[in-house]
Amino acid sequence: MAKRAIVIGGSIGGLFAGLFLKRIGWDVTIHERVGEELGARGAGIVTHDELHDALAAATGGREPIGVPVSGRVVLAQDGSVVCETLRPQILASWDQVWQRLRACSDGFYRHGSALVSFEQNDSVVTARFADGARENADLLVAADGIQSTVRKQLFPDAQPRYVGYAAWRGLVEETELSPAARDRLFDCFGFCLPPREQMLGYPVDGPPIASQPTRRYNYVWYRPADPDRELPRMLKGADGHQYVGAIPPDKLHPDIVAEMRDAATRLLAPAFAEAVSKTRKPLLQPIVDLETPAMASGRVAILGDAAFVARPHVGAGVTKAAGDARALAEVLSAHSSIDDALAAYNAQRHAFGQRIVRRARDLGAYMQAQLLSEEERQLAEKHRSPQAVMTETATMHNMASW
């Protein structure tokens, strides 16, 4: 009889986990608490070779994803080039990667299936869902993201920690931008560095229209936000509700969005400012760190953002989730004992997660230091020069030195 796994979370990490476990012969169900498809969510993804390999292995296909660029450029406020370099890379959209994985999971993907709690002993784990259902399995896989229900039960002290700055994120259709902005933005991974801030952006793939590929522009704009005053003001919704940690895009107060667009016009290179002005639904993301003390406990494995959340500077969140899922399937295939397999998984992937978080903290030190002393800001300048930002952001080379 095939071993049984329950995967909690139907985002990219959960889909990778379910598909890889299926490929080694496990009986799997993926449980997503949201009742509709997730494919319209998310923004841009910086891809790496490990992600492309994992996607091909999980889906059995090697159709290309994303948009290739040949290099990187830093723009001054007036739009002139500060520095540039060749660095071929492929940038993709979250929704197109999710759709590719989701197409392979029909029959074992369950919408509107929210985990409430779980119990476990030496041989079985029992999951209890909001609709009253109870299911038994040999393994529970927590791929339920930064607010993981599973992690909160296992490790209640492992909580996201706000680090002093937030990111404005957006996607703009290529056709909505002026020819000048398209020419400046769509052939490279771009940066702009206003005082105390950092903007970056890149093209990503969009859904095909009449079988023809489309492109969008994705950007991330980091800005300091005091946790006691400015961040709560930004998270006060148009509905009057005080949101904590995150706010739905449709609840952002119009005054906050207007202030952000005005700042873009004043501070950013014209092409970036235009992208911000034409974003229909900007997203506000408070930046956090999260580390869990272990990635396995009993018959439970944790992966992706449920285990570690690294600041986006390192550009490896989706790649890390895919690597976690693949490693979990590999150790389960290599060990007859689930306990031994999970011990091996924890030893391998927990150390990797720590390295990713540490690297992201180094790259984000300048932004975090904006709320600290002048001496601390000067120390953080190490990763601030245009050349350093351009070459170190969203790369996974020289990982041994992290």
Protein backbone atom coordinates (compact mmCIF):
# COMPACT_ATOMS: atom_id res chain seq x y z
CA MET A 1 0.00 0.00 0.00
CA ALA A 2 1.30 3.46 -0.93
CA LYS A 3 2.30 5.77 1.87
CA ARG A 4 -0.07 8.70 2.37
CA ALA A 5 0.80 12.41 2.65
CA ILE A 6 -1.39 15.40 3.40
CA VAL A 7 0.02 18.66 2.02
CA ILE A 8 -1.28 21.82 3.68
CA GLY A 9 -1.15 24.81 1.33
CA GLY A 10 -1.86 24.97 -2.38
CA SER A 11 0.55 27.69 -3.42
CA ILE A 12 3.76 26.99 -5.36
CA GLY A 13 5.56 25.21 -2.50
CA GLY A 14 2.60 22.94 -1.79
CA LEU A 15 2.20 22.08 -5.46
CA PHE A 16 5.87 21.21 -5.77
CA ALA A 17 5.61 19.01 -2.66
CA GLY A 18 2.52 17.20 -3.89
CA LEU A 19 3.88 16.59 -7.37
CA PHE A 20 7.27 15.36 -6.19
CA LEU A 21 5.66 13.01 -3.65
CA LYS A 22 3.35 11.68 -6.36
CA ARG A 23 6.36 10.95 -8.52
CA ILE A 24 7.88 8.69 -5.85
CA GLY A 25 4.63 6.74 -5.51
CA TRP A 26 2.94 8.38 -2.54
CA ASP A 27 -0.81 8.90 -2.24
CA VAL A 28 -1.19 12.69 -1.87
CA THR A 29 -3.86 15.32 -1.34
CA ILE A 30 -3.14 19.06 -1.40
CA HIS A 31 -5.38 21.20 0.80
CA GLU A 32 -5.77 24.92 0.04
CA ARG A 33 -7.86 26.98 2.44
CA VAL A 34 -8.90 29.53 -0.23
CA GLY A 35 -11.97 28.49 -2.15
CA GLU A 36 -10.92 29.75 -5.57
CA GLU A 37 -7.91 29.39 -7.83
CA LEU A 38 -4.80 31.30 -6.74
CA GLY A 39 -3.48 31.96 -10.23
CA ALA A 40 -4.29 35.67 -10.31
CA ARG A 41 -2.11 36.35 -7.26
CA GLY A 42 1.54 37.10 -6.81
CA ALA A 43 3.99 39.20 -8.79
CA GLY A 44 7.46 38.61 -10.20
CA ILE A 45 9.92 35.79 -9.58
CA VAL A 46 13.67 35.86 -10.09
CA THR A 47 14.42 32.40 -11.44
CA HIS A 48 17.53 30.32 -10.93
CA ASP A 49 18.72 27.09 -12.53
CA GLU A 50 17.46 25.06 -9.56
CA LEU A 51 13.92 26.37 -10.10
CA HIS A 52 13.91 25.56 -13.82
CA ASP A 53 15.20 22.05 -13.10
CA ALA A 54 12.62 21.49 -10.36
CA LEU A 55 9.77 22.72 -12.55
CA ALA A 56 10.76 20.35 -15.34
CA ALA A 57 11.14 17.43 -12.94
CA ALA A 58 7.80 18.07 -11.20
CA THR A 59 5.73 18.58 -14.34
CA GLY A 60 7.53 16.32 -16.80
CA GLY A 61 7.91 19.13 -19.32
CA ARG A 62 10.58 21.62 -20.29
CA GLU A 63 8.54 24.37 -21.93
CA PRO A 64 10.32 27.67 -21.27
CA ILE A 65 8.98 30.09 -18.71
CA GLY A 66 9.66 33.73 -18.10
CA VAL A 67 11.32 36.58 -19.96
CA PRO A 68 15.08 36.64 -20.60
CA VAL A 69 17.16 39.77 -20.04
CA SER A 70 20.80 40.21 -20.95
CA GLY A 71 22.00 42.54 -18.22
CA ARG A 72 21.47 44.93 -15.33
CA VAL A 73 21.44 48.71 -15.08
CA VAL A 74 21.25 51.34 -12.35
CA LEU A 75 19.38 54.52 -13.32
CA ALA A 76 19.83 57.95 -11.77
CA GLN A 77 16.85 60.08 -10.81
CA ASP A 78 17.00 61.87 -14.18
CA GLY A 79 16.98 58.54 -16.04
CA SER A 80 20.65 58.51 -17.01
CA VAL A 81 22.73 55.36 -16.56
CA VAL A 82 24.85 55.20 -13.40
CA CYS A 83 26.36 51.80 -14.17
CA GLU A 84 25.47 48.63 -16.05
CA THR A 85 26.70 45.08 -16.56
CA LEU A 86 25.96 41.98 -18.59
CA ARG A 87 24.17 39.30 -16.59
CA PRO A 88 21.78 37.02 -18.49
CA GLN A 89 18.83 35.96 -16.38
CA ILE A 90 15.23 34.78 -16.75
CA LEU A 91 12.45 36.57 -14.85
CA ALA A 92 9.02 35.00 -14.47
CA SER A 93 5.62 35.77 -13.01
CA TRP A 94 4.26 33.93 -9.99
CA ASP A 95 0.93 33.20 -11.60
CA GLN A 96 2.39 31.59 -14.72
CA VAL A 97 4.60 29.25 -12.62
CA TRP A 98 1.60 28.41 -10.41
CA GLN A 99 -0.58 27.66 -13.44
CA ARG A 100 2.08 25.32 -14.86
CA LEU A 101 2.17 23.33 -11.61
CA ARG A 102 -1.58 23.48 -10.98
CA ALA A 103 -2.33 21.92 -14.37
CA CYS A 104 -0.59 18.75 -13.18
CA SER A 105 -2.49 18.41 -9.89
CA ASP A 106 -6.08 17.80 -10.97
CA GLY A 107 -7.65 15.02 -8.94
CA PHE A 108 -5.77 15.59 -5.72
CA TYR A 109 -6.01 19.38 -5.17
CA ARG A 110 -8.78 20.48 -2.79
CA HIS A 111 -10.02 24.07 -2.66
CA GLY A 112 -11.63 25.53 0.45
CA SER A 113 -10.04 22.93 2.72
CA ALA A 114 -8.70 24.82 5.75
CA LEU A 115 -6.64 23.03 8.38
CA VAL A 116 -7.68 23.72 11.96
CA SER A 117 -5.22 21.54 13.87
CA PHE A 118 -3.42 18.21 13.81
CA GLU A 119 -2.41 15.41 16.15
CA GLN A 120 0.34 12.86 15.76
CA ASN A 121 1.94 9.81 17.31
CA ASP A 122 4.84 7.60 16.30
CA SER A 123 3.09 6.17 13.27
CA VAL A 124 0.29 8.46 12.10
CA VAL A 125 -0.69 12.11 11.86
CA THR A 126 -4.33 13.19 11.90
CA ALA A 127 -5.42 16.47 10.32
CA ARG A 128 -8.66 18.18 11.31
CA PHE A 129 -10.29 20.60 8.86
CA ALA A 130 -12.74 23.47 9.24
CA ASP A 131 -15.55 21.49 7.60
CA GLY A 132 -15.29 18.83 10.32
CA ALA A 133 -13.36 16.29 8.21
CA ARG A 134 -10.53 14.31 9.79
CA GLU A 135 -7.87 12.58 7.71
CA ASN A 136 -5.03 10.26 8.67
CA ALA A 137 -1.68 10.04 6.92
CA ASP A 138 1.88 8.86 7.30
CA LEU A 139 3.15 12.42 6.79
CA LEU A 140 1.85 15.98 7.06
CA VAL A 141 3.65 18.54 4.90
CA ALA A 142 3.31 22.18 5.98
CA ALA A 143 3.51 24.40 2.91
CA ASP A 144 1.01 26.95 4.20
CA GLY A 145 3.17 30.05 4.08
CA ILE A 146 4.25 32.76 6.44
CA GLN A 147 1.13 32.48 8.63
CA SER A 148 1.40 28.67 8.74
CA THR A 149 -1.19 27.00 10.94
CA VAL A 150 1.09 23.99 11.26
CA ARG A 151 4.14 26.00 12.34
CA LYS A 152 2.10 27.95 14.89
CA GLN A 153 1.05 24.67 16.53
CA LEU A 154 4.53 23.14 16.46
CA PHE A 155 6.64 26.23 17.17
CA PRO A 156 4.43 29.04 18.52
CA ASP A 157 7.43 31.26 19.30
CA ALA A 158 8.58 31.30 15.66
CA GLN A 159 6.84 34.45 14.44
CA PRO A 160 7.49 36.89 11.56
CA ARG A 161 9.54 39.90 12.72
CA TYR A 162 9.13 43.25 11.00
CA VAL A 163 12.53 44.71 10.11
CA GLY A 164 11.80 48.43 9.70
CA TYR A 165 10.94 48.90 6.05
CA ALA A 166 8.24 47.99 3.57
CA ALA A 167 8.00 47.35 -0.15
CA TRP A 168 5.55 48.70 -2.68
CA ARG A 169 5.03 46.09 -5.39
CA GLY A 170 3.24 46.29 -8.69
CA LEU A 171 2.64 44.74 -12.10
CA VAL A 172 1.98 46.82 -15.20
CA GLU A 173 0.96 45.53 -18.63
CA GLU A 174 3.59 46.28 -21.26
CA THR A 175 0.96 47.84 -23.51
CA GLU A 176 0.07 50.43 -20.84
CA LEU A 177 3.56 51.93 -20.74
CA SER A 178 4.89 54.57 -23.12
CA PRO A 179 7.37 53.53 -25.84
CA ALA A 180 10.12 55.39 -23.96
CA ALA A 181 9.43 53.50 -20.72
CA ARG A 182 9.23 50.17 -22.53
CA ASP A 183 12.54 50.79 -24.28
CA ARG A 184 14.22 51.68 -20.98
CA LEU A 185 12.76 48.93 -18.77
CA PHE A 186 12.03 45.79 -20.76
CA ASP A 187 15.50 44.68 -21.83
CA CYS A 188 17.16 44.59 -18.40
CA PHE A 189 16.94 44.08 -14.67
CA GLY A 190 16.81 47.70 -13.49
CA PHE A 191 17.58 49.58 -10.28
CA CYS A 192 17.15 53.10 -8.95
CA LEU A 193 18.62 54.23 -5.62
CA PRO A 194 17.01 57.33 -4.09
CA PRO A 195 18.48 58.37 -0.72
CA ARG A 196 17.52 55.81 1.96
CA GLU A 197 15.51 53.75 -0.54
CA GLN A 198 15.83 51.15 -3.30
CA MET A 199 13.75 50.46 -6.40
CA LEU A 200 14.20 47.46 -8.67
CA GLY A 201 12.18 46.03 -11.51
CA TYR A 202 12.17 43.60 -14.41
CA PRO A 203 9.91 42.23 -17.17
CA VAL A 204 7.90 39.05 -16.58
CA ASP A 205 5.64 36.89 -18.69
CA GLY A 206 1.89 37.39 -18.77
CA PRO A 207 -0.99 35.15 -19.79
CA PRO A 208 -1.08 34.43 -23.55
CA ILE A 209 -3.67 36.36 -25.56
CA ALA A 210 -4.89 34.67 -28.73
CA SER A 211 -1.96 32.22 -28.31
CA GLN A 212 0.51 35.11 -28.38
CA PRO A 213 2.86 35.73 -25.44
CA THR A 214 2.45 38.88 -23.39
CA ARG A 215 4.76 40.71 -20.99
CA ARG A 216 4.31 42.78 -17.86
CA TYR A 217 6.64 44.91 -15.78
CA ASN A 218 7.19 43.94 -12.15
CA TYR A 219 8.76 46.26 -9.59
CA VAL A 220 9.64 46.26 -5.89
CA TRP A 221 10.23 49.62 -4.16
CA TYR A 222 11.75 49.45 -0.66
CA ARG A 223 11.04 52.38 1.67
CA PRO A 224 11.68 52.79 5.43
CA ALA A 225 8.56 52.81 7.62
CA ASP A 226 8.73 53.33 11.38
CA PRO A 227 6.96 50.41 13.14
CA ASP A 228 5.32 52.59 15.80
CA ARG A 229 3.98 55.42 13.65
CA GLU A 230 4.36 55.20 9.89
CA LEU A 231 3.63 51.51 9.30
CA PRO A 232 0.35 51.50 11.28
CA ARG A 233 -0.75 54.59 9.33
CA MET A 234 -0.02 52.79 6.05
CA LEU A 235 -1.94 49.72 7.23
CA LYS A 236 -5.05 51.70 8.23
CA GLY A 237 -7.51 50.59 5.59
CA ALA A 238 -10.00 52.62 3.58
CA ASP A 239 -12.66 50.63 5.46
CA GLY A 240 -11.41 52.07 8.78
CA HIS A 241 -9.93 48.74 9.93
CA GLN A 242 -6.41 48.70 11.40
CA TYR A 243 -4.66 45.85 9.59
CA VAL A 244 -1.62 44.14 11.12
CA GLY A 245 1.17 42.53 9.11
CA ALA A 246 -0.51 42.86 5.71
CA ILE A 247 -3.37 44.70 4.04
CA PRO A 248 -5.42 43.56 1.02
CA PRO A 249 -4.65 45.75 -2.01
CA ASP A 250 -8.28 46.77 -2.39
CA LYS A 251 -8.29 48.06 1.21
CA LEU A 252 -5.35 50.47 0.83
CA HIS A 253 -6.38 54.01 1.72
CA PRO A 254 -6.42 56.27 -1.37
CA ASP A 255 -4.38 58.91 0.48
CA ILE A 256 -1.58 56.41 1.13
CA VAL A 257 -1.53 55.34 -2.51
CA ALA A 258 -1.55 58.98 -3.67
CA GLU A 259 1.41 59.77 -1.39
CA MET A 260 3.31 56.82 -2.81
CA ARG A 261 2.67 57.87 -6.42
CA ASP A 262 3.71 61.44 -5.67
CA ALA A 263 6.96 60.23 -4.08
CA ALA A 264 7.67 58.11 -7.17
CA THR A 265 7.41 61.20 -9.39
CA ARG A 266 9.79 63.13 -7.12
CA LEU A 267 12.34 60.42 -6.36
CA LEU A 268 12.51 57.84 -9.15
CA ALA A 269 13.84 57.73 -12.69
CA PRO A 270 11.02 58.71 -15.09
CA ALA A 271 10.49 55.18 -16.45
CA PHE A 272 10.11 53.76 -12.93
CA ALA A 273 7.82 56.62 -11.91
CA GLU A 274 5.61 55.91 -14.91
CA ALA A 275 5.37 52.22 -13.99
CA VAL A 276 4.29 53.17 -10.47
CA SER A 277 1.73 55.69 -11.73
CA LYS A 278 0.13 53.14 -14.06
CA THR A 279 -0.14 50.31 -11.52
CA ARG A 280 -3.82 49.64 -11.04
CA LYS A 281 -3.56 47.70 -7.78
CA PRO A 282 -0.29 48.35 -5.94
CA LEU A 283 0.56 45.98 -3.09
CA LEU A 284 2.10 47.04 0.22
CA GLN A 285 4.38 44.41 1.78
CA PRO A 286 5.93 44.98 5.22
CA ILE A 287 9.31 43.21 5.11
CA VAL A 288 9.88 40.53 7.74
CA ASP A 289 12.32 37.84 8.80
CA LEU A 290 11.16 34.40 9.89
CA GLU A 291 13.17 31.40 11.06
CA THR A 292 11.82 28.16 12.44
CA PRO A 293 13.92 26.05 14.86
CA ALA A 294 13.44 22.88 12.80
CA MET A 295 11.93 21.79 9.50
CA ALA A 296 10.67 18.45 10.79
CA SER A 297 9.02 17.28 13.99
CA GLY A 298 7.57 13.81 14.41
CA ARG A 299 5.58 13.04 11.26
CA VAL A 300 5.48 16.69 10.10
CA ALA A 301 7.74 18.33 7.53
CA ILE A 302 7.81 22.12 6.98
CA LEU A 303 8.91 23.80 3.77
CA GLY A 304 9.04 27.11 1.94
CA ASP A 305 7.81 30.26 3.68
CA ALA A 306 6.24 28.20 6.46
CA ALA A 307 9.80 27.47 7.63
CA PHE A 308 11.94 30.44 6.55
CA VAL A 309 11.08 33.82 5.10
CA ALA A 310 14.05 35.68 3.68
CA ARG A 311 13.79 39.32 2.66
CA PRO A 312 13.14 39.60 -1.09
CA HIS A 313 16.61 41.06 -1.83
CA VAL A 314 18.01 37.57 -2.29
CA GLY A 315 15.32 36.66 -4.84
CA ALA A 316 15.19 32.99 -3.87
CA GLY A 317 11.89 32.38 -2.06
CA VAL A 318 10.23 30.29 -4.76
CA THR A 319 13.48 28.55 -5.64
CA LYS A 320 13.98 27.64 -1.97
CA ALA A 321 10.44 26.22 -1.71
CA ALA A 322 10.99 24.12 -4.82
CA GLY A 323 14.32 22.88 -3.45
CA ASP A 324 12.75 22.01 -0.09
CA ALA A 325 9.99 20.00 -1.78
CA ARG A 326 12.37 18.15 -4.04
CA ALA A 327 14.77 17.36 -1.20
CA LEU A 328 11.90 16.02 0.91
CA ALA A 329 10.84 13.61 -1.82
CA GLU A 330 14.42 12.51 -2.40
CA VAL A 331 15.12 11.63 1.23
CA LEU A 332 11.79 9.83 1.57
CA SER A 333 12.67 7.78 -1.50
CA ALA A 334 16.16 7.02 -0.19
CA HIS A 335 15.16 5.93 3.35
CA SER A 336 12.85 3.10 4.36
CA SER A 337 12.15 4.89 7.65
CA ILE A 338 10.16 8.13 7.54
CA ASP A 339 11.81 9.21 10.78
CA ASP A 340 15.28 8.77 9.28
CA ALA A 341 14.20 10.57 6.11
CA LEU A 342 12.87 13.57 8.01
CA ALA A 343 16.02 13.76 10.11
CA ALA A 344 18.06 13.89 6.90
CA TYR A 345 15.72 16.49 5.40
CA ASN A 346 15.99 18.73 8.45
CA ALA A 347 19.78 18.48 8.53
CA GLN A 348 20.04 19.44 4.87
CA ARG A 349 17.40 22.11 4.36
CA HIS A 350 17.41 23.85 7.74
CA ALA A 351 21.01 24.90 7.26
CA PHE A 352 20.21 26.10 3.74
CA GLY A 353 17.28 28.19 5.02
CA GLN A 354 19.50 29.81 7.63
CA ARG A 355 22.03 30.77 4.96
CA ILE A 356 19.35 32.33 2.74
CA VAL A 357 17.96 34.40 5.62
CA ARG A 358 21.43 35.53 6.68
CA ARG A 359 22.32 36.57 3.12
CA ALA A 360 19.06 38.50 2.74
CA ARG A 361 19.72 40.32 6.02
CA ASP A 362 23.14 41.39 4.76
CA LEU A 363 21.66 42.74 1.54
CA GLY A 364 18.86 44.52 3.40
CA ALA A 365 21.06 46.00 6.13
CA TYR A 366 21.13 49.43 4.49
CA MET A 367 17.34 49.69 4.41
CA GLN A 368 16.95 48.48 7.99
CA ALA A 369 19.65 50.91 9.17
CA GLN A 370 17.57 53.92 8.07
CA LEU A 371 15.76 53.73 11.40
CA LEU A 372 18.98 53.33 13.40
CA SER A 373 21.94 55.56 14.25
CA GLU A 374 24.21 57.36 11.77
CA GLU A 375 27.08 55.02 12.69
CA GLU A 376 24.95 51.96 11.97
CA ARG A 377 23.86 53.46 8.65
CA GLN A 378 27.46 54.00 7.66
CA LEU A 379 28.35 50.40 8.52
CA ALA A 380 25.47 49.22 6.36
CA GLU A 381 26.78 51.14 3.32
CA LYS A 382 28.79 48.01 2.49
CA HIS A 383 26.01 46.71 0.22
CA ARG A 384 24.72 50.14 -0.85
CA SER A 385 26.95 51.23 -3.75
CA PRO A 386 25.21 51.09 -7.13
CA GLN A 387 27.69 48.46 -8.34
CA ALA A 388 27.13 46.29 -5.25
CA VAL A 389 23.34 46.54 -5.42
CA MET A 390 23.36 45.74 -9.13
CA THR A 391 25.61 42.68 -8.85
CA GLU A 392 24.53 41.18 -5.51
CA THR A 393 20.72 41.49 -5.53
CA ALA A 394 18.75 38.36 -6.48
CA THR A 395 21.73 36.17 -7.31
CA MET A 396 22.77 32.81 -5.91
CA HIS A 397 26.38 32.72 -7.05
CA ASN A 398 29.18 32.27 -4.50
CA MET A 399 26.75 30.71 -2.01
CA ALA A 400 29.60 29.05 -0.14
CA SER A 401 30.63 32.48 1.13
CA TRP A 402 27.20 33.37 2.55
